[in-house]
Amino acid sequence: MQLKNDEIGFSALYNTVVKYYEVHGERSVFIFESQEPSDDFDSGYYVRFLMDRKNIIQYKICSDRNMSIAILSLAIGPHYFNPGEFWNYKNSQRFTLEATTEGLEFNLKLLDEFLGYM
């Protein structure tokens, strides 16, 4: 499902994250902050969640050149870093910017690999 700048897209993002970790059970996930869609889609919408009581992740959907993109980020200290900044270049190229529920699940699986769950 393609995610757009609306409540349906936001719900899909939220539910995809929650369901992914329900199915891949070994970790707990707690969404502690979110920003809902607004008229300014360039700033996007996101969910921030605590995974396994030790990793803080942000999943953001925004617009770049009138295209929806999905950006996964890992919190290190007070800042969020994309895969190219926390993993090597070759592995970071495996992540997708595709703003679909399938793309979200694909990136969460790669994040699990990076964190040593796979």
PDB file of N, CA and C in Angstrom:
ATOM      1  N   MET A   1       0.829  -1.170   0.000  1.00  0.00           N
ATOM      2  CA  MET A   1       0.000   0.000   0.000  1.00  0.00           C
ATOM      3  C   MET A   1       0.882   1.244   0.000  1.00  0.00           C
ATOM      4  N   GLN A   2       0.632   2.148  -0.907  1.00  0.00           N
ATOM      5  CA  GLN A   2       1.371   3.407  -1.003  1.00  0.00           C
ATOM      6  C   GLN A   2       0.928   4.363   0.107  1.00  0.00           C
ATOM      7  N   LEU A   3       1.886   4.942   0.826  1.00  0.00           N
ATOM      8  CA  LEU A   3       1.567   5.864   1.906  1.00  0.00           C
ATOM      9  C   LEU A   3       1.548   7.294   1.382  1.00  0.00           C
ATOM     10  N   LYS A   4       0.488   8.003   1.724  1.00  0.00           N
ATOM     11  CA  LYS A   4       0.324   9.389   1.299  1.00  0.00           C
ATOM     12  C   LYS A   4       0.228  10.275   2.523  1.00  0.00           C
ATOM     13  N   ASN A   5       0.145  11.556   2.316  1.00  0.00           N
ATOM     14  CA  ASN A   5       0.064  12.538   3.390  1.00  0.00           C
ATOM     15  C   ASN A   5      -1.380  12.665   3.872  1.00  0.00           C
ATOM     16  N   ASP A   6      -1.864  11.633   4.540  1.00  0.00           N
ATOM     17  CA  ASP A   6      -3.231  11.654   5.067  1.00  0.00           C
ATOM     18  C   ASP A   6      -3.306  10.727   6.271  1.00  0.00           C
ATOM     19  N   GLU A   7      -4.453  10.713   6.914  1.00  0.00           N
ATOM     20  CA  GLU A   7      -4.644   9.883   8.102  1.00  0.00           C
ATOM     21  C   GLU A   7      -4.502   8.393   7.798  1.00  0.00           C
ATOM     22  N   ILE A   8      -4.911   7.984   6.609  1.00  0.00           N
ATOM     23  CA  ILE A   8      -4.782   6.567   6.231  1.00  0.00           C
ATOM     24  C   ILE A   8      -3.309   6.179   6.149  1.00  0.00           C
ATOM     25  N   GLY A   9      -2.491   7.056   5.547  1.00  0.00           N
ATOM     26  CA  GLY A   9      -1.059   6.790   5.462  1.00  0.00           C
ATOM     27  C   GLY A   9      -0.409   6.749   6.832  1.00  0.00           C
ATOM     28  N   PHE A  10      -0.795   7.694   7.705  1.00  0.00           N
ATOM     29  CA  PHE A  10      -0.250   7.725   9.058  1.00  0.00           C
ATOM     30  C   PHE A  10      -0.637   6.451   9.821  1.00  0.00           C
ATOM     31  N   SER A  11      -1.887   6.047   9.722  1.00  0.00           N
ATOM     32  CA  SER A  11      -2.344   4.820  10.386  1.00  0.00           C
ATOM     33  C   SER A  11      -1.597   3.602   9.861  1.00  0.00           C
ATOM     34  N   ALA A  12      -1.356   3.573   8.558  1.00  0.00           N
ATOM     35  CA  ALA A  12      -0.630   2.449   7.965  1.00  0.00           C
ATOM     36  C   ALA A  12       0.802   2.399   8.497  1.00  0.00           C
ATOM     37  N   LEU A  13       1.458   3.554   8.613  1.00  0.00           N
ATOM     38  CA  LEU A  13       2.811   3.607   9.177  1.00  0.00           C
ATOM     39  C   LEU A  13       2.797   3.077  10.610  1.00  0.00           C
ATOM     40  N   TYR A  14       1.925   3.613  11.421  1.00  0.00           N
ATOM     41  CA  TYR A  14       1.812   3.227  12.828  1.00  0.00           C
ATOM     42  C   TYR A  14       1.541   1.729  12.963  1.00  0.00           C
ATOM     43  N   ASN A  15       0.544   1.252  12.247  1.00  0.00           N
ATOM     44  CA  ASN A  15       0.151  -0.156  12.346  1.00  0.00           C
ATOM     45  C   ASN A  15       1.195  -1.106  11.779  1.00  0.00           C
ATOM     46  N   THR A  16       1.890  -0.699  10.725  1.00  0.00           N
ATOM     47  CA  THR A  16       2.928  -1.552  10.148  1.00  0.00           C
ATOM     48  C   THR A  16       4.052  -1.786  11.141  1.00  0.00           C
ATOM     49  N   VAL A  17       4.472  -0.727  11.821  1.00  0.00           N
ATOM     50  CA  VAL A  17       5.532  -0.864  12.827  1.00  0.00           C
ATOM     51  C   VAL A  17       5.075  -1.791  13.950  1.00  0.00           C
ATOM     52  N   VAL A  18       3.897  -1.543  14.492  1.00  0.00           N
ATOM     53  CA  VAL A  18       3.393  -2.362  15.601  1.00  0.00           C
ATOM     54  C   VAL A  18       3.234  -3.823  15.180  1.00  0.00           C
ATOM     55  N   LYS A  19       2.624  -4.067  14.030  1.00  0.00           N
ATOM     56  CA  LYS A  19       2.386  -5.444  13.581  1.00  0.00           C
ATOM     57  C   LYS A  19       3.674  -6.179  13.247  1.00  0.00           C
ATOM     58  N   TYR A  20       4.660  -5.455  12.683  1.00  0.00           N
ATOM     59  CA  TYR A  20       5.930  -6.097  12.358  1.00  0.00           C
ATOM     60  C   TYR A  20       6.542  -6.715  13.615  1.00  0.00           C
ATOM     61  N   TYR A  21       6.551  -5.957  14.692  1.00  0.00           N
ATOM     62  CA  TYR A  21       7.161  -6.463  15.924  1.00  0.00           C
ATOM     63  C   TYR A  21       6.268  -7.448  16.668  1.00  0.00           C
ATOM     64  N   GLU A  22       4.986  -7.441  16.427  1.00  0.00           N
ATOM     65  CA  GLU A  22       4.111  -8.492  16.977  1.00  0.00           C
ATOM     66  C   GLU A  22       4.421  -9.824  16.310  1.00  0.00           C
ATOM     67  N   VAL A  23       4.614  -9.792  14.996  1.00  0.00           N
ATOM     68  CA  VAL A  23       4.891 -11.017  14.235  1.00  0.00           C
ATOM     69  C   VAL A  23       6.305 -11.527  14.507  1.00  0.00           C
ATOM     70  N   HIS A  24       7.273 -10.615  14.600  1.00  0.00           N
ATOM     71  CA  HIS A  24       8.668 -10.989  14.828  1.00  0.00           C
ATOM     72  C   HIS A  24       8.969 -10.795  16.317  1.00  0.00           C
ATOM     73  N   GLY A  25       8.263 -11.526  17.135  1.00  0.00           N
ATOM     74  CA  GLY A  25       8.048 -11.372  18.532  1.00  0.00           C
ATOM     75  C   GLY A  25       9.135 -11.133  19.540  1.00  0.00           C
ATOM     76  N   GLU A  26      10.365 -11.362  19.326  1.00  0.00           N
ATOM     77  CA  GLU A  26      11.342 -11.361  20.405  1.00  0.00           C
ATOM     78  C   GLU A  26      11.549 -10.006  21.048  1.00  0.00           C
ATOM     79  N   ARG A  27      11.030  -8.944  20.468  1.00  0.00           N
ATOM     80  CA  ARG A  27      11.275  -7.607  20.982  1.00  0.00           C
ATOM     81  C   ARG A  27       9.986  -6.889  21.330  1.00  0.00           C
ATOM     82  N   SER A  28      10.108  -6.023  22.311  1.00  0.00           N
ATOM     83  CA  SER A  28       8.967  -5.156  22.626  1.00  0.00           C
ATOM     84  C   SER A  28       9.137  -3.849  21.860  1.00  0.00           C
ATOM     85  N   VAL A  29       8.016  -3.208  21.566  1.00  0.00           N
ATOM     86  CA  VAL A  29       8.066  -1.918  20.893  1.00  0.00           C
ATOM     87  C   VAL A  29       7.056  -0.997  21.567  1.00  0.00           C
ATOM     88  N   PHE A  30       7.482   0.230  21.814  1.00  0.00           N
ATOM     89  CA  PHE A  30       6.638   1.227  22.449  1.00  0.00           C
ATOM     90  C   PHE A  30       6.749   2.526  21.653  1.00  0.00           C
ATOM     91  N   ILE A  31       5.664   2.919  20.980  1.00  0.00           N
ATOM     92  CA  ILE A  31       5.663   4.178  20.236  1.00  0.00           C
ATOM     93  C   ILE A  31       5.407   5.292  21.245  1.00  0.00           C
ATOM     94  N   PHE A  32       6.404   6.149  21.433  1.00  0.00           N
ATOM     95  CA  PHE A  32       6.313   7.174  22.460  1.00  0.00           C
ATOM     96  C   PHE A  32       6.071   8.569  21.911  1.00  0.00           C
ATOM     97  N   GLU A  33       6.207   8.749  20.606  1.00  0.00           N
ATOM     98  CA  GLU A  33       5.988  10.069  20.017  1.00  0.00           C
ATOM     99  C   GLU A  33       5.616   9.897  18.551  1.00  0.00           C
ATOM    100  N   SER A  34       4.767  10.781  18.082  1.00  0.00           N
ATOM    101  CA  SER A  34       4.405  10.760  16.665  1.00  0.00           C
ATOM    102  C   SER A  34       4.017  12.159  16.222  1.00  0.00           C
ATOM    103  N   GLN A  35       4.150  12.379  14.946  1.00  0.00           N
ATOM    104  CA  GLN A  35       3.684  13.627  14.333  1.00  0.00           C
ATOM    105  C   GLN A  35       2.743  13.228  13.218  1.00  0.00           C
ATOM    106  N   GLU A  36       1.530  13.708  13.283  1.00  0.00           N
ATOM    107  CA  GLU A  36       0.526  13.365  12.283  1.00  0.00           C
ATOM    108  C   GLU A  36       0.696  14.220  11.033  1.00  0.00           C
ATOM    109  N   PRO A  37       0.104  13.800   9.926  1.00  0.00           N
ATOM    110  CA  PRO A  37       0.211  14.552   8.670  1.00  0.00           C
ATOM    111  C   PRO A  37      -0.334  15.976   8.814  1.00  0.00           C
ATOM    112  N   SER A  38       0.257  16.884   8.044  1.00  0.00           N
ATOM    113  CA  SER A  38      -0.192  18.274   8.017  1.00  0.00           C
ATOM    114  C   SER A  38      -0.181  18.763   6.572  1.00  0.00           C
ATOM    115  N   ASP A  39      -0.530  20.017   6.399  1.00  0.00           N
ATOM    116  CA  ASP A  39      -0.525  20.600   5.059  1.00  0.00           C
ATOM    117  C   ASP A  39       0.886  20.727   4.492  1.00  0.00           C
ATOM    118  N   ASP A  40       1.888  20.800   5.366  1.00  0.00           N
ATOM    119  CA  ASP A  40       3.283  20.914   4.935  1.00  0.00           C
ATOM    120  C   ASP A  40       3.889  19.515   4.860  1.00  0.00           C
ATOM    121  N   PHE A  41       3.687  18.838   3.738  1.00  0.00           N
ATOM    122  CA  PHE A  41       4.147  17.461   3.600  1.00  0.00           C
ATOM    123  C   PHE A  41       5.664  17.371   3.520  1.00  0.00           C
ATOM    124  N   ASP A  42       6.347  18.466   3.179  1.00  0.00           N
ATOM    125  CA  ASP A  42       7.806  18.411   3.137  1.00  0.00           C
ATOM    126  C   ASP A  42       8.377  18.052   4.509  1.00  0.00           C
ATOM    127  N   SER A  43       7.734  18.527   5.582  1.00  0.00           N
ATOM    128  CA  SER A  43       8.209  18.188   6.924  1.00  0.00           C
ATOM    129  C   SER A  43       7.791  16.771   7.307  1.00  0.00           C
ATOM    130  N   GLY A  44       6.756  16.247   6.681  1.00  0.00           N
ATOM    131  CA  GLY A  44       6.353  14.853   6.834  1.00  0.00           C
ATOM    132  C   GLY A  44       5.650  14.522   8.132  1.00  0.00           C
ATOM    133  N   TYR A  45       5.470  13.234   8.321  1.00  0.00           N
ATOM    134  CA  TYR A  45       4.908  12.692   9.561  1.00  0.00           C
ATOM    135  C   TYR A  45       5.753  11.502   9.962  1.00  0.00           C
ATOM    136  N   TYR A  46       5.721  11.171  11.251  1.00  0.00           N
ATOM    137  CA  TYR A  46       6.603  10.110  11.729  1.00  0.00           C
ATOM    138  C   TYR A  46       6.049   9.437  12.968  1.00  0.00           C
ATOM    139  N   VAL A  47       6.670   8.298  13.287  1.00  0.00           N
ATOM    140  CA  VAL A  47       6.518   7.647  14.585  1.00  0.00           C
ATOM    141  C   VAL A  47       7.924   7.427  15.130  1.00  0.00           C
ATOM    142  N   ARG A  48       8.052   7.622  16.422  1.00  0.00           N
ATOM    143  CA  ARG A  48       9.303   7.333  17.123  1.00  0.00           C
ATOM    144  C   ARG A  48       8.985   6.261  18.149  1.00  0.00           C
ATOM    145  N   PHE A  49       9.824   5.240  18.184  1.00  0.00           N
ATOM    146  CA  PHE A  49       9.528   4.134  19.083  1.00  0.00           C
ATOM    147  C   PHE A  49      10.780   3.584  19.748  1.00  0.00           C
ATOM    148  N   LEU A  50      10.551   3.055  20.938  1.00  0.00           N
ATOM    149  CA  LEU A  50      11.585   2.384  21.714  1.00  0.00           C
ATOM    150  C   LEU A  50      11.451   0.894  21.432  1.00  0.00           C
ATOM    151  N   MET A  51      12.533   0.309  20.974  1.00  0.00           N
ATOM    152  CA  MET A  51      12.510  -1.104  20.643  1.00  0.00           C
ATOM    153  C   MET A  51      13.412  -1.855  21.606  1.00  0.00           C
ATOM    154  N   ASP A  52      12.854  -2.874  22.207  1.00  0.00           N
ATOM    155  CA  ASP A  52      13.595  -3.767  23.090  1.00  0.00           C
ATOM    156  C   ASP A  52      14.231  -3.018  24.264  1.00  0.00           C
ATOM    157  N   ARG A  53      13.624  -1.927  24.659  1.00  0.00           N
ATOM    158  CA  ARG A  53      14.047  -1.110  25.799  1.00  0.00           C
ATOM    159  C   ARG A  53      15.447  -0.527  25.655  1.00  0.00           C
ATOM    160  N   LYS A  54      15.985  -0.476  24.420  1.00  0.00           N
ATOM    161  CA  LYS A  54      17.338   0.067  24.282  1.00  0.00           C
ATOM    162  C   LYS A  54      17.605   0.833  22.991  1.00  0.00           C
ATOM    163  N   ASN A  55      16.801   0.641  21.959  1.00  0.00           N
ATOM    164  CA  ASN A  55      17.034   1.333  20.694  1.00  0.00           C
ATOM    165  C   ASN A  55      15.862   2.244  20.371  1.00  0.00           C
ATOM    166  N   ILE A  56      16.168   3.489  20.042  1.00  0.00           N
ATOM    167  CA  ILE A  56      15.123   4.434  19.642  1.00  0.00           C
ATOM    168  C   ILE A  56      15.213   4.626  18.138  1.00  0.00           C
ATOM    169  N   ILE A  57      14.072   4.412  17.485  1.00  0.00           N
ATOM    170  CA  ILE A  57      13.985   4.449  16.027  1.00  0.00           C
ATOM    171  C   ILE A  57      12.945   5.491  15.624  1.00  0.00           C
ATOM    172  N   GLN A  58      13.215   6.169  14.527  1.00  0.00           N
ATOM    173  CA  GLN A  58      12.224   7.064  13.927  1.00  0.00           C
ATOM    174  C   GLN A  58      11.942   6.579  12.511  1.00  0.00           C
ATOM    175  N   TYR A  59      10.676   6.475  12.177  1.00  0.00           N
ATOM    176  CA  TYR A  59      10.283   6.157  10.801  1.00  0.00           C
ATOM    177  C   TYR A  59       9.452   7.322  10.303  1.00  0.00           C
ATOM    178  N   LYS A  60       9.948   7.986   9.283  1.00  0.00           N
ATOM    179  CA  LYS A  60       9.339   9.225   8.788  1.00  0.00           C
ATOM    180  C   LYS A  60       8.930   9.070   7.332  1.00  0.00           C
ATOM    181  N   ILE A  61       7.758   9.608   7.011  1.00  0.00           N
ATOM    182  CA  ILE A  61       7.284   9.677   5.631  1.00  0.00           C
ATOM    183  C   ILE A  61       7.214  11.156   5.284  1.00  0.00           C
ATOM    184  N   CYS A  62       7.870  11.533   4.191  1.00  0.00           N
ATOM    185  CA  CYS A  62       7.864  12.936   3.775  1.00  0.00           C
ATOM    186  C   CYS A  62       7.911  13.018   2.251  1.00  0.00           C
ATOM    187  N   SER A  63       8.020  14.228   1.764  1.00  0.00           N
ATOM    188  CA  SER A  63       8.028  14.453   0.324  1.00  0.00           C
ATOM    189  C   SER A  63       9.378  14.997  -0.115  1.00  0.00           C
ATOM    190  N   ASP A  64       9.854  14.488  -1.226  1.00  0.00           N
ATOM    191  CA  ASP A  64      11.062  15.006  -1.865  1.00  0.00           C
ATOM    192  C   ASP A  64      10.771  15.092  -3.356  1.00  0.00           C
ATOM    193  N   ARG A  65      10.776  16.303  -3.862  1.00  0.00           N
ATOM    194  CA  ARG A  65      10.466  16.552  -5.274  1.00  0.00           C
ATOM    195  C   ARG A  65       9.117  15.946  -5.664  1.00  0.00           C
ATOM    196  N   ASN A  66       8.125  16.163  -4.804  1.00  0.00           N
ATOM    197  CA  ASN A  66       6.748  15.713  -5.000  1.00  0.00           C
ATOM    198  C   ASN A  66       6.587  14.188  -5.008  1.00  0.00           C
ATOM    199  N   MET A  67       7.531  13.477  -4.442  1.00  0.00           N
ATOM    200  CA  MET A  67       7.439  12.031  -4.287  1.00  0.00           C
ATOM    201  C   MET A  67       7.468  11.698  -2.804  1.00  0.00           C
ATOM    202  N   SER A  68       6.637  10.748  -2.393  1.00  0.00           N
ATOM    203  CA  SER A  68       6.669  10.287  -1.004  1.00  0.00           C
ATOM    204  C   SER A  68       7.867   9.374  -0.805  1.00  0.00           C
ATOM    205  N   ILE A  69       8.618   9.629   0.263  1.00  0.00           N
ATOM    206  CA  ILE A  69       9.743   8.757   0.601  1.00  0.00           C
ATOM    207  C   ILE A  69       9.650   8.381   2.076  1.00  0.00           C
ATOM    208  N   ALA A  70      10.213   7.238   2.407  1.00  0.00           N
ATOM    209  CA  ALA A  70      10.242   6.744   3.778  1.00  0.00           C
ATOM    210  C   ALA A  70      11.690   6.739   4.252  1.00  0.00           C
ATOM    211  N   ILE A  71      11.912   7.289   5.446  1.00  0.00           N
ATOM    212  CA  ILE A  71      13.265   7.397   5.981  1.00  0.00           C
ATOM    213  C   ILE A  71      13.308   6.751   7.361  1.00  0.00           C
ATOM    214  N   LEU A  72      14.113   5.724   7.496  1.00  0.00           N
ATOM    215  CA  LEU A  72      14.336   5.054   8.766  1.00  0.00           C
ATOM    216  C   LEU A  72      15.566   5.675   9.409  1.00  0.00           C
ATOM    217  N   SER A  73      15.482   6.018  10.683  1.00  0.00           N
ATOM    218  CA  SER A  73      16.611   6.624  11.390  1.00  0.00           C
ATOM    219  C   SER A  73      16.775   5.984  12.756  1.00  0.00           C
ATOM    220  N   LEU A  74      18.022   5.891  13.186  1.00  0.00           N
ATOM    221  CA  LEU A  74      18.372   5.348  14.488  1.00  0.00           C
ATOM    222  C   LEU A  74      18.868   6.489  15.355  1.00  0.00           C
ATOM    223  N   ALA A  75      18.350   6.584  16.577  1.00  0.00           N
ATOM    224  CA  ALA A  75      18.788   7.633  17.495  1.00  0.00           C
ATOM    225  C   ALA A  75      20.109   7.214  18.137  1.00  0.00           C
ATOM    226  N   ILE A  76      21.068   8.118  18.045  1.00  0.00           N
ATOM    227  CA  ILE A  76      22.351   7.944  18.719  1.00  0.00           C
ATOM    228  C   ILE A  76      22.574   9.258  19.451  1.00  0.00           C
ATOM    229  N   GLY A  77      22.475   9.219  20.766  1.00  0.00           N
ATOM    230  CA  GLY A  77      22.478  10.463  21.537  1.00  0.00           C
ATOM    231  C   GLY A  77      21.202  11.218  21.225  1.00  0.00           C
ATOM    232  N   PRO A  78      21.300  12.528  21.090  1.00  0.00           N
ATOM    233  CA  PRO A  78      20.081  13.320  20.847  1.00  0.00           C
ATOM    234  C   PRO A  78      19.707  13.465  19.371  1.00  0.00           C
ATOM    235  N   HIS A  79      20.418  12.790  18.477  1.00  0.00           N
ATOM    236  CA  HIS A  79      20.194  12.970  17.042  1.00  0.00           C
ATOM    237  C   HIS A  79      19.782  11.668  16.375  1.00  0.00           C
ATOM    238  N   TYR A  80      19.123  11.803  15.214  1.00  0.00           N
ATOM    239  CA  TYR A  80      18.699  10.647  14.423  1.00  0.00           C
ATOM    240  C   TYR A  80      19.586  10.537  13.188  1.00  0.00           C
ATOM    241  N   PHE A  81      20.041   9.309  12.905  1.00  0.00           N
ATOM    242  CA  PHE A  81      20.954   9.060  11.795  1.00  0.00           C
ATOM    243  C   PHE A  81      20.361   8.039  10.845  1.00  0.00           C
ATOM    244  N   ASN A  82      20.532   8.281   9.530  1.00  0.00           N
ATOM    245  CA  ASN A  82      20.025   7.341   8.531  1.00  0.00           C
ATOM    246  C   ASN A  82      21.020   6.186   8.359  1.00  0.00           C
ATOM    247  N   PRO A  83      20.629   5.123   7.649  1.00  0.00           N
ATOM    248  CA  PRO A  83      21.486   3.935   7.534  1.00  0.00           C
ATOM    249  C   PRO A  83      22.890   4.214   6.989  1.00  0.00           C
ATOM    250  N   GLY A  84      23.035   5.174   6.096  1.00  0.00           N
ATOM    251  CA  GLY A  84      24.359   5.487   5.560  1.00  0.00           C
ATOM    252  C   GLY A  84      25.300   6.044   6.608  1.00  0.00           C
ATOM    253  N   GLU A  85      24.752   6.539   7.699  1.00  0.00           N
ATOM    254  CA  GLU A  85      25.571   7.115   8.764  1.00  0.00           C
ATOM    255  C   GLU A  85      25.825   6.140   9.913  1.00  0.00           C
ATOM    256  N   PHE A  86      24.972   5.117  10.077  1.00  0.00           N
ATOM    257  CA  PHE A  86      25.228   4.174  11.162  1.00  0.00           C
ATOM    258  C   PHE A  86      25.668   2.797  10.680  1.00  0.00           C
ATOM    259  N   TRP A  87      25.634   2.526   9.364  1.00  0.00           N
ATOM    260  CA  TRP A  87      26.086   1.255   8.817  1.00  0.00           C
ATOM    261  C   TRP A  87      27.006   1.576   7.651  1.00  0.00           C
ATOM    262  N   ASN A  88      27.750   0.623   7.169  1.00  0.00           N
ATOM    263  CA  ASN A  88      28.642   0.915   6.053  1.00  0.00           C
ATOM    264  C   ASN A  88      27.850   1.208   4.765  1.00  0.00           C
ATOM    265  N   TYR A  89      28.518   1.825   3.810  1.00  0.00           N
ATOM    266  CA  TYR A  89      27.854   2.296   2.590  1.00  0.00           C
ATOM    267  C   TYR A  89      27.172   1.160   1.832  1.00  0.00           C
ATOM    268  N   LYS A  90      27.866   0.054   1.656  1.00  0.00           N
ATOM    269  CA  LYS A  90      27.311  -1.066   0.886  1.00  0.00           C
ATOM    270  C   LYS A  90      26.000  -1.562   1.505  1.00  0.00           C
ATOM    271  N   ASN A  91      25.987  -1.777   2.803  1.00  0.00           N
ATOM    272  CA  ASN A  91      24.776  -2.250   3.462  1.00  0.00           C
ATOM    273  C   ASN A  91      23.691  -1.183   3.518  1.00  0.00           C
ATOM    274  N   SER A  92      24.078   0.070   3.644  1.00  0.00           N
ATOM    275  CA  SER A  92      23.072   1.131   3.698  1.00  0.00           C
ATOM    276  C   SER A  92      22.325   1.263   2.372  1.00  0.00           C
ATOM    277  N   GLN A  93      22.954   0.863   1.274  1.00  0.00           N
ATOM    278  CA  GLN A  93      22.308   0.928  -0.038  1.00  0.00           C
ATOM    279  C   GLN A  93      21.209  -0.119  -0.191  1.00  0.00           C
ATOM    280  N   ARG A  94      21.150  -1.075   0.713  1.00  0.00           N
ATOM    281  CA  ARG A  94      20.110  -2.106   0.662  1.00  0.00           C
ATOM    282  C   ARG A  94      18.756  -1.567   1.131  1.00  0.00           C
ATOM    283  N   PHE A  95      18.768  -0.507   1.947  1.00  0.00           N
ATOM    284  CA  PHE A  95      17.513   0.090   2.426  1.00  0.00           C
ATOM    285  C   PHE A  95      16.787   0.763   1.276  1.00  0.00           C
ATOM    286  N   THR A  96      15.477   0.810   1.366  1.00  0.00           N
ATOM    287  CA  THR A  96      14.675   1.435   0.326  1.00  0.00           C
ATOM    288  C   THR A  96      14.042   2.717   0.849  1.00  0.00           C
ATOM    289  N   LEU A  97      13.815   3.644  -0.039  1.00  0.00           N
ATOM    290  CA  LEU A  97      13.094   4.878   0.293  1.00  0.00           C
ATOM    291  C   LEU A  97      11.625   4.765  -0.081  1.00  0.00           C
ATOM    292  N   GLU A  98      11.231   3.594  -0.528  1.00  0.00           N
ATOM    293  CA  GLU A  98       9.860   3.351  -0.988  1.00  0.00           C
ATOM    294  C   GLU A  98       8.862   3.549   0.154  1.00  0.00           C
ATOM    295  N   ALA A  99       7.910   4.435  -0.047  1.00  0.00           N
ATOM    296  CA  ALA A  99       6.900   4.753   0.979  1.00  0.00           C
ATOM    297  C   ALA A  99       5.682   3.855   0.819  1.00  0.00           C
ATOM    298  N   THR A 100       5.905   2.562   1.023  1.00  0.00           N
ATOM    299  CA  THR A 100       4.824   1.571   0.978  1.00  0.00           C
ATOM    300  C   THR A 100       4.931   0.707   2.231  1.00  0.00           C
ATOM    301  N   THR A 101       3.872   0.021   2.569  1.00  0.00           N
ATOM    302  CA  THR A 101       3.932  -0.858   3.728  1.00  0.00           C
ATOM    303  C   THR A 101       4.956  -1.975   3.509  1.00  0.00           C
ATOM    304  N   GLU A 102       5.087  -2.436   2.280  1.00  0.00           N
ATOM    305  CA  GLU A 102       6.091  -3.464   1.961  1.00  0.00           C
ATOM    306  C   GLU A 102       7.507  -2.919   2.159  1.00  0.00           C
ATOM    307  N   GLY A 103       7.738  -1.676   1.734  1.00  0.00           N
ATOM    308  CA  GLY A 103       9.037  -1.038   1.925  1.00  0.00           C
ATOM    309  C   GLY A 103       9.361  -0.835   3.395  1.00  0.00           C
ATOM    310  N   LEU A 104       8.350  -0.476   4.194  1.00  0.00           N
ATOM    311  CA  LEU A 104       8.551  -0.302   5.631  1.00  0.00           C
ATOM    312  C   LEU A 104       8.998  -1.613   6.268  1.00  0.00           C
ATOM    313  N   GLU A 105       8.301  -2.696   5.949  1.00  0.00           N
ATOM    314  CA  GLU A 105       8.640  -4.006   6.505  1.00  0.00           C
ATOM    315  C   GLU A 105      10.034  -4.451   6.058  1.00  0.00           C
ATOM    316  N   PHE A 106      10.360  -4.196   4.805  1.00  0.00           N
ATOM    317  CA  PHE A 106      11.678  -4.546   4.281  1.00  0.00           C
ATOM    318  C   PHE A 106      12.769  -3.845   5.084  1.00  0.00           C
ATOM    319  N   ASN A 107      12.597  -2.537   5.342  1.00  0.00           N
ATOM    320  CA  ASN A 107      13.599  -1.780   6.093  1.00  0.00           C
ATOM    321  C   ASN A 107      13.674  -2.210   7.552  1.00  0.00           C
ATOM    322  N   LEU A 108      12.536  -2.545   8.152  1.00  0.00           N
ATOM    323  CA  LEU A 108      12.563  -3.019   9.536  1.00  0.00           C
ATOM    324  C   LEU A 108      13.316  -4.344   9.636  1.00  0.00           C
ATOM    325  N   LYS A 109      13.188  -5.177   8.618  1.00  0.00           N
ATOM    326  CA  LYS A 109      13.931  -6.437   8.584  1.00  0.00           C
ATOM    327  C   LYS A 109      15.439  -6.168   8.495  1.00  0.00           C
ATOM    328  N   LEU A 110      15.838  -5.205   7.655  1.00  0.00           N
ATOM    329  CA  LEU A 110      17.258  -4.850   7.557  1.00  0.00           C
ATOM    330  C   LEU A 110      17.767  -4.251   8.864  1.00  0.00           C
ATOM    331  N   LEU A 111      16.934  -3.466   9.529  1.00  0.00           N
ATOM    332  CA  LEU A 111      17.326  -2.909  10.820  1.00  0.00           C
ATOM    333  C   LEU A 111      17.556  -4.039  11.822  1.00  0.00           C
ATOM    334  N   ASP A 112      16.690  -5.048  11.820  1.00  0.00           N
ATOM    335  CA  ASP A 112      16.890  -6.215  12.678  1.00  0.00           C
ATOM    336  C   ASP A 112      18.234  -6.875  12.397  1.00  0.00           C
ATOM    337  N   GLU A 113      18.576  -6.975  11.115  1.00  0.00           N
ATOM    338  CA  GLU A 113      19.863  -7.563  10.741  1.00  0.00           C
ATOM    339  C   GLU A 113      21.000  -6.731  11.317  1.00  0.00           C
ATOM    340  N   PHE A 114      20.929  -5.412  11.175  1.00  0.00           N
ATOM    341  CA  PHE A 114      21.971  -4.528  11.702  1.00  0.00           C
ATOM    342  C   PHE A 114      22.110  -4.676  13.221  1.00  0.00           C
ATOM    343  N   LEU A 115      20.981  -4.772  13.915  1.00  0.00           N
ATOM    344  CA  LEU A 115      21.002  -4.852  15.376  1.00  0.00           C
ATOM    345  C   LEU A 115      21.296  -6.265  15.897  1.00  0.00           C
ATOM    346  N   GLY A 116      21.464  -7.233  14.992  1.00  0.00           N
ATOM    347  CA  GLY A 116      21.857  -8.579  15.375  1.00  0.00           C
ATOM    348  C   GLY A 116      20.737  -9.506  15.754  1.00  0.00           C
ATOM    349  N   TYR A 117      19.512  -9.196  15.331  1.00  0.00           N
ATOM    350  CA  TYR A 117      18.374 -10.070  15.633  1.00  0.00           C
ATOM    351  C   TYR A 117      18.164 -11.143  14.586  1.00  0.00           C
ATOM    352  N   MET A 118      18.891 -11.101  13.484  1.00  0.00           N
ATOM    353  CA  MET A 118      18.703 -12.091  12.421  1.00  0.00           C
ATOM    354  C   MET A 118      20.018 -12.770  12.123  1.00  0.00           C
TER     355      MET A 118
END
